[in-house]
């Protein structure tokens, strides 16, 4: 399970996990992606653009736009995941859904 979780985090496939059973793993995956990938690459792009002589080329502008779009889409995705986990918890609290916590063997399977 340890190496499988690393593979899911490395490839971004952690998004496919069901949020009602793996909310902690999803949160860790999104935090790692945000703080170890998206934000550092955005800073690298900004610093590279500021060090270039003359005007910024159209390719650099497009790359900067894509970095900002990635940050915006990741923020939207994180907020949707938080909303889904809260709705799952409310449904369980009100008895609308019969969620039972999975055992560790069921989670690994």
Protein backbone atom coordinates (compact mmCIF):
# COMPACT_ATOMS: atom_id res chain seq x y z
CA UNK A 1 0.00 0.00 0.00
CA UNK A 2 2.84 2.36 0.79
CA UNK A 3 4.35 2.18 -2.69
CA UNK A 4 0.92 2.17 -4.35
CA UNK A 5 0.03 5.42 -2.58
CA UNK A 6 3.31 6.94 -3.73
CA UNK A 7 2.50 5.94 -7.29
CA UNK A 8 -0.96 7.49 -7.00
CA UNK A 9 0.51 10.72 -5.64
CA UNK A 10 3.32 10.84 -8.21
CA UNK A 11 1.08 10.32 -11.23
CA UNK A 12 -1.89 12.36 -9.97
CA UNK A 13 -4.15 9.31 -10.02
CA UNK A 14 -5.11 9.94 -6.39
CA UNK A 15 -7.98 12.00 -7.83
CA UNK A 16 -9.70 8.74 -8.79
CA UNK A 17 -10.01 7.59 -5.16
CA UNK A 18 -13.51 7.87 -3.65
CA UNK A 19 -13.68 10.89 -1.38
CA UNK A 20 -15.87 9.24 1.24
CA UNK A 21 -13.20 6.63 2.00
CA UNK A 22 -9.94 8.43 1.21
CA UNK A 23 -10.48 12.07 2.19
CA UNK A 24 -7.18 12.28 4.08
CA UNK A 25 -5.21 10.83 1.17
CA UNK A 26 -6.89 13.23 -1.25
CA UNK A 27 -6.05 16.18 0.97
CA UNK A 28 -2.41 15.13 1.19
CA UNK A 29 -2.24 14.61 -2.57
CA UNK A 30 -3.68 18.03 -3.35
CA UNK A 31 -1.42 19.73 -0.79
CA UNK A 32 1.67 18.03 -2.22
CA UNK A 33 0.70 18.96 -5.76
CA UNK A 34 0.02 22.55 -4.81
CA UNK A 35 3.12 23.20 -2.69
CA UNK A 36 5.64 20.99 -4.50
CA UNK A 37 4.56 21.43 -8.11
CA UNK A 38 2.24 24.27 -9.05
CA UNK A 39 3.46 27.13 -6.85
CA UNK A 40 7.22 26.46 -7.32
CA UNK A 41 6.78 26.20 -11.11
CA UNK A 42 4.82 29.45 -11.11
CA UNK A 43 7.67 31.19 -9.24
CA UNK A 44 10.24 29.70 -11.64
CA UNK A 45 8.25 31.01 -14.59
CA UNK A 46 7.94 34.48 -13.06
CA UNK A 47 11.64 34.69 -12.24
CA UNK A 48 12.64 33.43 -15.70
CA UNK A 49 10.39 36.01 -17.35
CA UNK A 50 11.77 38.82 -15.22
CA UNK A 51 15.39 37.94 -16.11
CA UNK A 52 14.88 37.97 -19.88
CA UNK A 53 16.20 40.93 -21.85
CA UNK A 54 13.65 42.95 -23.80
CA UNK A 55 10.00 42.11 -24.08
CA UNK A 56 8.39 38.85 -23.08
CA UNK A 57 7.73 36.62 -26.07
CA UNK A 58 4.31 35.24 -26.89
CA UNK A 59 5.48 31.75 -25.89
CA UNK A 60 6.46 33.02 -22.43
CA UNK A 61 3.10 34.78 -22.11
CA UNK A 62 1.23 31.61 -23.00
CA UNK A 63 3.32 29.59 -20.54
CA UNK A 64 2.55 32.10 -17.77
CA UNK A 65 -1.15 32.01 -18.62
CA UNK A 66 -1.14 28.20 -18.48
CA UNK A 67 0.58 28.24 -15.06
CA UNK A 68 -2.04 30.64 -13.72
CA UNK A 69 -4.84 28.58 -15.28
CA UNK A 70 -3.40 25.43 -13.67
CA UNK A 71 -3.39 27.17 -10.29
CA UNK A 72 -6.99 28.32 -10.79
CA UNK A 73 -8.18 24.86 -11.88
CA UNK A 74 -6.41 23.19 -8.96
CA UNK A 75 -8.03 25.65 -6.55
CA UNK A 76 -11.44 24.86 -8.02
CA UNK A 77 -10.76 21.13 -7.82
CA UNK A 78 -9.67 21.38 -4.16
CA UNK A 79 -12.77 23.38 -3.23
CA UNK A 80 -15.00 20.82 -4.99
CA UNK A 81 -13.31 17.98 -3.09
CA UNK A 82 -13.80 19.79 0.25
CA UNK A 83 -17.46 20.41 -0.63
CA UNK A 84 -17.96 16.74 -1.53
CA UNK A 85 -16.39 15.52 1.72
CA UNK A 86 -18.59 17.90 3.74
CA UNK A 87 -21.71 16.69 1.92
CA UNK A 88 -20.71 13.08 2.56
CA UNK A 89 -20.31 13.86 6.26
CA UNK A 90 -23.69 15.62 6.40
CA UNK A 91 -25.41 12.71 4.64
CA UNK A 92 -23.86 10.32 7.14
CA UNK A 93 -24.85 12.58 10.05
CA UNK A 94 -28.48 12.80 8.91
CA UNK A 95 -28.68 9.09 8.18
CA UNK A 96 -29.34 9.54 4.47
CA UNK A 97 -26.51 7.27 3.46
CA UNK A 98 -25.25 4.13 5.06
CA UNK A 99 -21.54 4.82 5.11
CA UNK A 100 -19.42 2.56 7.19
CA UNK A 101 -15.71 3.03 7.55
CA UNK A 102 -13.71 0.56 5.51
CA UNK A 103 -11.29 -1.76 7.23
CA UNK A 104 -7.64 -1.52 6.27
CA UNK A 105 -7.88 -4.73 4.24
CA UNK A 106 -10.88 -3.38 2.31
CA UNK A 107 -9.05 -0.14 1.64
CA UNK A 108 -6.02 -2.00 0.31
CA UNK A 109 -8.17 -4.16 -1.94
